[in-house]
Protein backbone atom coordinates (compact mmCIF):
# COMPACT_ATOMS: atom_id res chain seq x y z
CA MET A 1 -11.26 171.13 58.08
CA CYS A 2 -12.11 170.66 54.44
CA ILE A 3 -10.79 174.12 53.66
CA LEU A 4 -7.49 173.41 55.42
CA ARG A 5 -7.09 170.14 53.56
CA CYS A 6 -7.70 171.86 50.23
CA CYS A 7 -5.13 174.55 51.00
CA SER A 8 -2.51 172.04 52.04
CA LEU A 9 -3.09 170.01 48.90
CA ARG A 10 -2.70 173.09 46.74
CA VAL A 11 0.57 174.06 48.44
CA LEU A 12 1.90 170.54 48.05
CA PHE A 13 0.93 170.53 44.39
CA LEU A 14 2.73 173.82 43.76
CA LEU A 15 5.90 172.57 45.46
CA VAL A 16 5.93 169.43 43.36
CA LEU A 17 5.31 171.46 40.20
CA CYS A 18 8.17 173.90 40.91
CA ARG A 19 10.53 171.01 41.63
CA SER A 20 9.63 169.28 38.40
CA VAL A 21 10.12 172.49 36.43
CA GLN A 22 13.56 173.04 37.94
CA ILE A 23 14.55 169.47 37.13
CA SER A 24 13.28 169.78 33.56
CA GLU A 25 15.14 173.09 33.07
CA ALA A 26 18.36 171.58 34.32
CA GLU A 27 17.92 168.57 32.08
CA GLY A 28 16.98 170.83 29.18
CA LYS A 29 20.10 172.93 29.59
CA GLY A 30 22.19 169.84 29.74
CA GLN A 31 20.58 168.55 26.60
CA ILE A 32 20.63 171.93 24.72
CA LEU A 33 24.22 172.92 25.51
CA PRO A 34 26.63 170.68 23.63
CA PRO A 35 29.68 169.30 25.42
CA THR A 36 31.92 171.93 23.81
CA ILE A 37 29.87 174.82 25.22
CA GLN A 38 29.54 173.09 28.58
CA LYS A 39 33.30 172.76 28.73
CA ILE A 40 33.76 176.41 27.84
CA ILE A 41 31.25 177.78 30.29
CA LYS A 42 32.34 175.51 33.14
CA GLY A 43 34.51 177.48 35.51
CA TYR A 44 34.28 180.68 33.39
CA ASN A 45 34.24 183.94 35.36
CA LYS A 46 32.65 186.73 33.34
CA TYR A 47 33.68 189.36 35.87
CA LEU A 48 37.37 189.01 35.02
CA ARG A 49 38.70 190.27 31.72
CA PRO A 50 40.90 188.11 29.47
CA PHE A 51 44.64 188.14 30.21
CA PHE A 52 43.87 189.48 33.66
CA ASP A 53 47.47 189.04 34.81
CA ASN A 54 49.23 189.21 31.43
CA GLY A 55 48.77 192.77 30.16
CA PRO A 56 45.90 194.53 28.40
CA VAL A 57 43.43 192.85 26.08
CA SER A 58 43.26 194.23 22.52
CA VAL A 59 39.79 194.96 21.19
CA GLY A 60 39.37 195.58 17.46
CA MET A 61 36.34 197.48 16.19
CA SER A 62 34.54 198.09 12.93
CA LEU A 63 31.37 199.94 11.99
CA ASP A 64 28.64 199.68 9.40
CA ILE A 65 26.58 202.85 9.01
CA ALA A 66 23.09 201.62 8.21
CA SER A 67 21.53 205.10 8.01
CA ILE A 68 21.87 208.69 9.14
CA ASP A 69 18.29 209.64 9.83
CA THR A 70 18.39 213.31 10.80
CA ILE A 71 20.97 216.09 11.05
CA SER A 72 19.67 218.97 13.16
CA GLU A 73 21.23 222.44 13.07
CA ILE A 74 18.97 223.60 15.90
CA ASN A 75 20.08 220.89 18.35
CA MET A 76 23.48 220.46 16.68
CA ASP A 77 23.36 216.69 16.56
CA TYR A 78 22.73 213.79 14.21
CA THR A 79 20.90 210.48 14.59
CA ALA A 80 22.42 207.34 13.08
CA THR A 81 21.82 203.61 13.12
CA ILE A 82 25.06 201.63 13.25
CA PHE A 83 26.25 198.05 13.46
CA LEU A 84 29.08 197.97 15.99
CA ARG A 85 31.37 194.95 15.80
CA GLN A 86 33.98 194.20 18.46
CA ARG A 87 36.57 191.47 18.30
CA TRP A 88 38.94 190.25 20.99
CA THR A 89 40.69 187.07 22.11
CA ASP A 90 39.82 185.25 25.34
CA GLU A 91 42.17 182.34 26.06
CA ARG A 92 39.57 180.80 28.37
CA LEU A 93 37.23 180.19 25.40
CA CYS A 94 39.59 178.06 23.29
CA PHE A 95 38.23 174.73 22.13
CA ASP A 96 39.15 171.92 19.76
CA GLY A 97 37.81 172.10 16.24
CA ASN A 98 38.04 174.09 13.03
CA LYS A 99 34.62 175.72 12.94
CA SER A 100 33.31 178.75 14.77
CA LEU A 101 30.35 178.59 17.10
CA SER A 102 27.48 181.05 16.58
CA LEU A 103 25.60 181.36 19.85
CA ASP A 104 22.32 182.91 20.81
CA GLY A 105 22.64 186.57 21.67
CA ARG A 106 21.21 185.98 25.12
CA LEU A 107 24.31 183.97 26.04
CA VAL A 108 26.27 187.23 26.02
CA GLU A 109 25.22 187.63 29.63
CA MET A 110 27.44 184.65 30.45
CA LEU A 111 30.61 186.09 28.85
CA TRP A 112 32.91 189.03 29.45
CA VAL A 113 32.40 191.87 26.96
CA PRO A 114 34.12 195.28 26.67
CA ASP A 115 32.41 198.24 28.37
CA THR A 116 32.40 200.38 25.23
CA PHE A 117 30.27 203.53 25.15
CA ILE A 118 29.64 206.43 22.73
CA VAL A 119 31.11 209.59 24.19
CA ASP A 120 28.91 212.36 22.76
CA SER A 121 25.72 210.34 22.73
CA LYS A 122 22.62 212.19 23.91
CA LYS A 123 20.37 209.14 23.79
CA SER A 124 20.83 205.62 22.45
CA PHE A 125 18.99 202.34 22.43
CA LEU A 126 19.64 198.75 21.44
CA HIS A 127 17.12 197.27 19.01
CA ASP A 128 15.15 194.41 20.53
CA ILE A 129 12.62 193.43 17.83
CA THR A 130 11.96 190.58 17.59
CA VAL A 131 14.79 189.77 20.00
CA GLU A 132 17.77 191.85 21.08
CA ASN A 133 19.90 192.46 17.99
CA ARG A 134 23.09 190.85 19.23
CA LEU A 135 25.51 188.46 17.64
CA ILE A 136 28.06 186.35 19.48
CA ARG A 137 30.51 184.07 17.67
CA ILE A 138 33.41 182.14 19.19
CA TYR A 139 36.34 180.79 17.18
CA PRO A 140 38.52 177.80 18.14
CA ASN A 141 41.50 180.03 19.07
CA GLY A 142 39.35 181.91 21.60
CA THR A 143 38.56 184.90 19.38
CA VAL A 144 35.15 186.38 20.15
CA LEU A 145 33.08 188.42 17.68
CA TYR A 146 30.41 190.53 19.33
CA ALA A 147 28.07 192.67 17.16
CA ILE A 148 25.16 194.87 18.18
CA ARG A 149 22.75 197.19 16.39
CA ILE A 150 22.42 200.67 17.94
CA THR A 151 20.49 203.83 17.11
CA THR A 152 22.12 206.83 18.71
CA THR A 153 21.79 210.61 18.70
CA VAL A 154 25.27 212.14 18.85
CA ALA A 155 26.23 215.78 19.42
CA CYS A 156 28.04 217.51 16.58
CA SER A 157 29.47 221.00 16.96
CA MET A 158 28.67 222.99 13.80
CA ASP A 159 30.03 226.23 12.37
CA LEU A 160 27.15 227.90 10.52
CA THR A 161 28.85 231.10 9.42
CA LYS A 162 28.77 229.93 5.78
CA TYR A 163 25.31 228.37 5.91
CA PRO A 164 24.01 227.12 3.46
CA MET A 165 27.39 226.81 1.71
CA ASP A 166 28.97 225.20 4.74
CA LYS A 167 30.82 221.98 5.42
CA GLN A 168 30.46 220.21 8.75
CA THR A 169 32.82 217.68 10.30
CA CYS A 170 31.14 215.34 12.78
CA THR A 171 32.65 212.56 14.86
CA LEU A 172 31.67 209.29 16.48
CA GLN A 173 33.88 208.58 19.50
CA LEU A 174 34.12 205.19 21.19
CA GLU A 175 35.75 204.83 24.61
CA SER A 176 36.07 202.32 27.40
CA TRP A 177 34.12 203.33 30.48
CA GLY A 178 35.94 201.51 33.27
CA TYR A 179 39.07 199.90 31.81
CA ASN A 180 42.07 202.19 31.28
CA ILE A 181 44.90 201.71 28.81
CA ASN A 182 46.60 199.26 31.19
CA ASP A 183 43.62 196.92 30.90
CA VAL A 184 42.17 197.42 27.39
CA MET A 185 43.55 198.68 24.08
CA PHE A 186 41.28 199.71 21.20
CA TYR A 187 42.21 199.59 17.51
CA TRP A 188 40.44 199.74 14.15
CA THR A 189 40.47 196.32 12.54
CA ARG A 190 41.05 197.58 8.97
CA GLY A 191 42.12 201.21 9.37
CA ASN A 192 40.00 203.62 7.36
CA ASP A 193 38.20 200.66 5.77
CA SER A 194 36.83 199.70 9.17
CA VAL A 195 33.83 201.96 8.55
CA ARG A 196 31.51 201.02 5.71
CA GLY A 197 28.16 202.09 4.40
CA LEU A 198 28.86 205.77 3.75
CA ASP A 199 29.56 205.23 0.05
CA THR A 200 26.01 204.07 -0.58
CA LEU A 201 24.39 206.44 1.89
CA ARG A 202 21.97 209.01 0.47
CA LEU A 203 21.11 212.05 2.58
CA ALA A 204 18.48 214.70 1.88
CA GLN A 205 20.55 217.84 2.47
CA TYR A 206 24.12 216.61 2.64
CA THR A 207 26.76 214.73 0.73
CA VAL A 208 29.45 212.75 2.52
CA GLU A 209 32.67 214.09 1.04
CA ASP A 210 35.31 212.36 3.15
CA HIS A 211 35.73 210.14 6.18
CA PHE A 212 38.66 208.74 8.13
CA THR A 213 39.47 207.08 11.43
CA SER A 214 41.92 207.86 14.21
CA VAL A 215 43.16 206.33 17.46
CA SER A 216 43.79 208.41 20.56
CA GLU A 217 43.50 208.44 24.32
CA ALA A 218 41.03 210.17 26.60
CA VAL A 219 42.57 211.73 29.70
CA TYR A 220 40.40 212.11 32.78
CA GLU A 221 41.02 212.53 36.46
CA THR A 222 40.67 208.78 36.95
CA GLY A 223 43.24 207.86 34.31
CA ARG A 224 43.89 207.46 30.59
CA TYR A 225 41.37 205.50 28.56
CA PRO A 226 41.49 204.13 25.00
CA LYS A 227 39.53 206.05 22.38
CA LEU A 228 38.60 205.45 18.75
CA VAL A 229 37.32 208.36 16.66
CA PHE A 230 35.50 208.21 13.36
CA HIS A 231 35.46 211.53 11.44
CA PHE A 232 33.18 212.25 8.49
CA GLU A 233 32.75 215.47 6.52
CA LEU A 234 29.34 216.58 5.31
CA LYS A 235 28.80 219.12 2.54
CA ARG A 236 25.41 220.76 2.33
CA ASN A 237 23.54 220.64 -0.98
CA ILE A 238 22.80 224.25 -1.91
CA LEU A 239 20.34 223.58 -4.74
CA TYR A 240 17.38 223.46 -2.35
CA PHE A 241 18.26 226.84 -0.85
CA ILE A 242 18.81 228.39 -4.26
CA LEU A 243 15.30 227.41 -5.29
CA GLU A 244 13.74 228.12 -1.91
CA THR A 245 15.43 231.35 -0.82
CA TYR A 246 17.96 232.86 -3.22
CA VAL A 247 15.86 232.89 -6.40
CA PRO A 248 12.74 234.35 -4.69
CA SER A 249 14.81 237.06 -3.01
CA ILE A 250 16.47 238.00 -6.33
CA LEU A 251 13.08 238.16 -8.03
CA LEU A 252 11.77 240.42 -5.27
CA VAL A 253 14.70 242.78 -5.78
CA VAL A 254 14.06 242.86 -9.52
CA LEU A 255 10.36 243.45 -8.86
CA SER A 256 11.20 246.49 -6.75
CA TRP A 257 13.05 247.97 -9.75
CA VAL A 258 9.84 247.96 -11.80
CA SER A 259 8.82 251.15 -10.00
CA PHE A 260 11.67 253.01 -11.75
CA TRP A 261 9.74 252.67 -15.03
CA ILE A 262 6.44 253.90 -13.56
CA SER A 263 5.61 257.60 -13.72
CA GLN A 264 6.28 259.56 -10.57
CA SER A 265 2.74 260.89 -10.68
CA SER A 266 1.40 257.33 -10.13
CA VAL A 267 1.83 257.46 -6.39
CA PRO A 268 -0.42 254.48 -5.45
CA ALA A 269 1.25 252.14 -7.94
CA ARG A 270 4.80 252.90 -6.86
CA ILE A 271 3.97 252.87 -3.13
CA CYS A 272 2.11 249.56 -3.54
CA ILE A 273 5.09 247.90 -5.25
CA GLY A 274 7.54 249.22 -2.65
CA VAL A 275 5.52 248.24 0.42
CA THR A 276 4.55 244.83 -1.00
CA THR A 277 8.13 243.87 -1.81
CA VAL A 278 9.35 245.03 1.62
CA LEU A 279 6.71 242.97 3.45
CA THR A 280 7.29 239.92 1.26
CA MET A 281 11.04 240.13 1.84
CA THR A 282 10.45 240.37 5.59
CA THR A 283 8.32 237.22 5.50
CA LEU A 284 10.98 235.41 3.46
CA MET A 285 13.64 236.38 5.99
CA MET A 286 11.55 235.11 8.90
CA GLY A 287 10.86 231.82 7.12
CA ALA A 288 14.54 231.26 6.38
CA ARG A 289 15.40 231.52 10.08
CA THR A 290 12.84 229.05 11.40
CA SER A 291 15.08 226.01 10.81
CA LEU A 292 18.18 227.60 12.33
CA PRO A 293 19.34 228.07 15.92
CA ASN A 294 18.55 231.43 17.48
CA ALA A 295 22.18 232.18 18.28
CA ASN A 296 23.58 235.67 18.04
CA CYS A 297 27.10 234.36 17.53
CA PHE A 298 26.27 233.09 14.04
CA ILE A 299 25.96 235.64 11.25
CA LYS A 300 25.19 233.22 8.46
CA ALA A 301 25.79 233.69 4.75
CA ILE A 302 22.08 233.46 4.01
CA ASP A 303 21.42 236.23 6.55
CA VAL A 304 23.95 238.45 4.80
CA TYR A 305 22.34 237.84 1.41
CA LEU A 306 18.82 238.43 2.67
CA GLY A 307 20.01 241.61 4.35
CA ILE A 308 21.53 242.81 1.05
CA CYS A 309 18.29 242.09 -0.82
CA PHE A 310 16.22 243.83 1.84
CA SER A 311 18.50 246.87 1.65
CA PHE A 312 18.04 247.12 -2.13
CA ILE A 313 14.26 246.77 -1.85
CA PHE A 314 14.07 249.36 0.89
CA GLY A 315 16.43 251.60 -1.09
CA ALA A 316 14.07 251.45 -4.09
CA LEU A 317 11.25 252.64 -1.84
CA LEU A 318 13.37 255.48 -0.48
CA GLU A 319 14.39 256.43 -4.01
CA TYR A 320 10.79 257.20 -4.91
CA ALA A 321 10.34 259.18 -1.71
CA VAL A 322 13.35 261.37 -2.58
CA ALA A 323 12.30 261.77 -6.22
CA HIS A 324 8.74 262.67 -5.26
CA PHE A 325 9.95 265.18 -2.66
CA CYS A 326 12.15 266.91 -5.24
CA THR A 327 9.30 266.94 -7.74
CA LEU A 328 6.96 268.69 -5.30
CA HIS A 329 9.51 271.45 -4.77
CA ARG A 330 10.11 271.86 -8.54
CA PRO A 331 6.74 271.29 -10.20
CA SER A 332 7.83 272.70 -13.58
CA SER A 333 10.87 270.52 -13.91
CA LYS A 334 9.34 268.18 -16.48
CA GLU A 335 10.53 270.45 -19.22
CA LEU A 336 13.72 271.96 -18.00
CA PRO A 337 13.92 275.52 -19.51
CA LYS A 338 17.12 276.72 -20.91
CA VAL A 339 16.47 280.09 -19.22
CA GLU A 340 16.97 278.52 -15.80
CA ASP A 341 20.28 277.07 -16.90
CA GLU A 342 21.36 280.44 -18.28
CA GLU A 343 20.28 282.25 -15.12
CA ALA A 344 22.11 279.75 -12.95
CA GLU A 345 25.18 280.09 -15.14
CA GLU A 346 25.01 283.90 -14.97
CA GLU A 347 24.62 283.69 -11.22
CA ARG A 348 27.72 281.56 -10.89
CA ASN A 349 29.60 283.87 -13.27
CA GLY A 350 28.49 286.84 -11.18
CA VAL A 351 29.87 285.25 -8.04
CA LEU A 352 33.14 284.51 -9.75
CA ALA A 353 33.25 288.06 -11.24
CA ALA A 354 32.73 289.57 -7.81
CA VAL A 355 35.56 287.50 -6.46
CA ALA A 356 37.74 288.55 -9.40
CA ASN A 357 36.93 292.25 -8.88
CA SER A 358 37.82 292.06 -5.24
CA CYS A 359 41.05 290.40 -6.18
CA SER A 360 41.82 293.08 -8.83
CA ALA A 361 41.06 295.88 -6.36
CA SER A 362 43.42 294.39 -3.90
CA ASP A 363 45.96 294.09 -6.75
CA ASN A 364 45.72 297.87 -7.43
CA VAL A 365 46.23 298.67 -3.79
CA ASN A 366 49.13 296.30 -3.70
CA LYS A 367 50.63 297.97 -6.80
CA ILE A 368 50.45 301.43 -5.20
CA ASP A 369 52.03 300.12 -2.07
CA SER A 370 54.64 298.34 -4.08
CA ASN A 371 55.60 301.57 -6.01
CA LYS A 372 56.18 303.31 -2.74
CA SER A 373 58.32 300.54 -1.45
CA SER A 374 59.99 299.45 -4.71
CA LYS A 375 63.39 300.25 -3.29
CA THR A 376 63.67 296.87 -1.72
CA SER A 377 63.21 293.44 -3.35
CA ILE A 378 61.56 292.00 -0.26
CA ASN A 379 58.38 294.05 -0.88
CA GLY A 380 58.25 292.71 -4.48
CA LYS A 381 58.19 289.17 -3.22
CA LYS A 382 55.35 290.03 -0.87
CA GLU A 383 53.39 291.53 -3.78
CA ARG A 384 53.72 288.37 -5.89
CA SER A 385 52.73 286.20 -3.01
CA LYS A 386 49.61 288.29 -2.41
CA HIS A 387 48.69 288.15 -6.10
CA SER A 388 49.05 284.39 -6.18
CA GLY A 389 47.05 284.19 -2.94
CA CYS A 390 44.20 286.02 -4.66
CA SER A 391 44.18 283.80 -7.74
CA SER A 392 44.13 280.57 -5.74
CA PRO A 393 40.70 281.19 -4.12
CA MET A 394 39.25 281.64 -7.60
CA SER A 395 40.46 278.20 -8.72
CA VAL A 396 39.21 276.63 -5.49
CA MET A 397 35.80 278.25 -5.94
CA LYS A 398 35.56 276.98 -9.50
CA ARG A 399 36.41 273.45 -8.43
CA LEU A 400 33.87 273.51 -5.60
CA CYS A 401 31.19 274.78 -7.96
CA CYS A 402 31.95 271.94 -10.38
CA ILE A 403 31.77 269.36 -7.59
CA PHE A 404 28.48 270.69 -6.25
CA ASP A 405 27.12 270.89 -9.76
CA CYS A 406 27.79 267.19 -10.24
CA PHE A 407 25.64 266.30 -7.23
CA HIS A 408 22.96 268.81 -8.07
CA VAL A 409 19.94 267.22 -9.76
CA LYS A 410 18.63 269.73 -12.25
CA ASN A 411 15.60 267.61 -13.10
CA PRO A 412 14.09 265.32 -10.40
CA TYR A 413 12.72 263.09 -13.14
CA HIS A 414 16.30 262.11 -13.95
CA ILE A 415 16.58 260.36 -10.55
CA ASP A 416 14.69 257.37 -11.96
CA ASN A 417 17.05 257.29 -14.94
CA TYR A 418 20.03 257.14 -12.61
CA ALA A 419 18.36 254.44 -10.48
CA ARG A 420 17.63 252.26 -13.52
CA PHE A 421 21.34 252.01 -14.12
CA SER A 422 22.90 252.23 -10.66
CA PHE A 423 20.68 249.74 -8.77
CA PRO A 424 21.15 246.73 -11.12
CA LEU A 425 24.85 247.44 -11.60
CA SER A 426 25.58 247.66 -7.88
CA PHE A 427 23.47 244.55 -7.17
CA ILE A 428 25.42 242.53 -9.75
CA ILE A 429 28.77 243.71 -8.35
CA ILE A 430 27.77 242.83 -4.78
CA ASN A 431 26.56 239.40 -5.92
CA VAL A 432 29.89 238.68 -7.56
CA PHE A 433 31.79 239.53 -4.38
CA TYR A 434 29.31 237.59 -2.24
CA TRP A 435 29.46 234.32 -4.16
CA VAL A 436 33.22 234.44 -4.71
CA TYR A 437 33.86 235.03 -1.01
CA TYR A 438 31.57 232.35 0.38
CA LEU A 439 32.34 229.70 -2.23
CA TYR A 440 36.12 230.03 -2.44
CA PHE A 441 37.27 231.58 0.85
């Protein structure tokens, strides 16, 4: 019995306590809310938009870009913290007076607000430290100012063909989720000046070159919806890549040319320089691709340059292989004897003399035949044509010998002399074309 009495007393006490709390909350609300707010809230239906039967409600928007935290080429998105301000007029919230009312952000739950969302957002959140970062302000004519602080990660399609000399244009699109153009109209409150904060923004890799706003409509199967688009153009700062990638790759190419000044008999030294520069260039190429998407559709400018540098380094290694191979087959070519040149010249003259003798023999035969048939002029024409046909092979042979002689390396030790001039000159020419194309086209 004692236990039952104790339980009943506890239940009774809890009921009285809950009743007193409810009464105190009701009295507190009545005391906290001034008569103006009570009059506004009384009979207000937050589930109906303003001007429900009198056309669409116009919602003006403005943005403050607090920060752009990260811009990822791998995920093709950017993360930004923005202050989104929306302004509209609700005739049901008009009150007498000449001052605006700044309300607690938690009272937003009692009012109608636009269902604005960020179209390309991957993930977003509303800051809630120490309370939800919301601002609600009501003016005497019924104008409502609603501001929130959002951090969002937005997709941005990037063209990386000119990376790292590229420019990217990203957008921030705002749409209405449920209200079409017959219910809600969006507009920028101050045109291009509706977005602020980019002038003082400092990014690690980029510079904001230009930004502008536009108004459009989104067409879906369910209807046409208002859309506001904010465009901003980002230009990548190339200084970091010049110091990190371009200068080291150029120095590696120049280092590979050092082998041209080393004696061909120093096989370990030249092979060591060639292999070391090739491996270092391979490591540099792999490191440059770690921060980029593994997409085959993008042949980036930095890939082209690294490929050019790798080709020159590998070409320097092959040059020594060719020079050394020629040296092994001509061991006495350090001092090129004049006798070899004379013998080669006599050999070529002998070939040409043999061709000339065969041509002269055929000329004698042709002369005998022409004496027998000199009665007609047609045979004379044939004789001249045959003579000219014999002289033309001689000129062709001479030209071919000259052409082959140009490509013939008499002394393999001259290959390094040619490489000392041809490699730097061709590298400079290719660099000029590369930088002009990617910077100005």
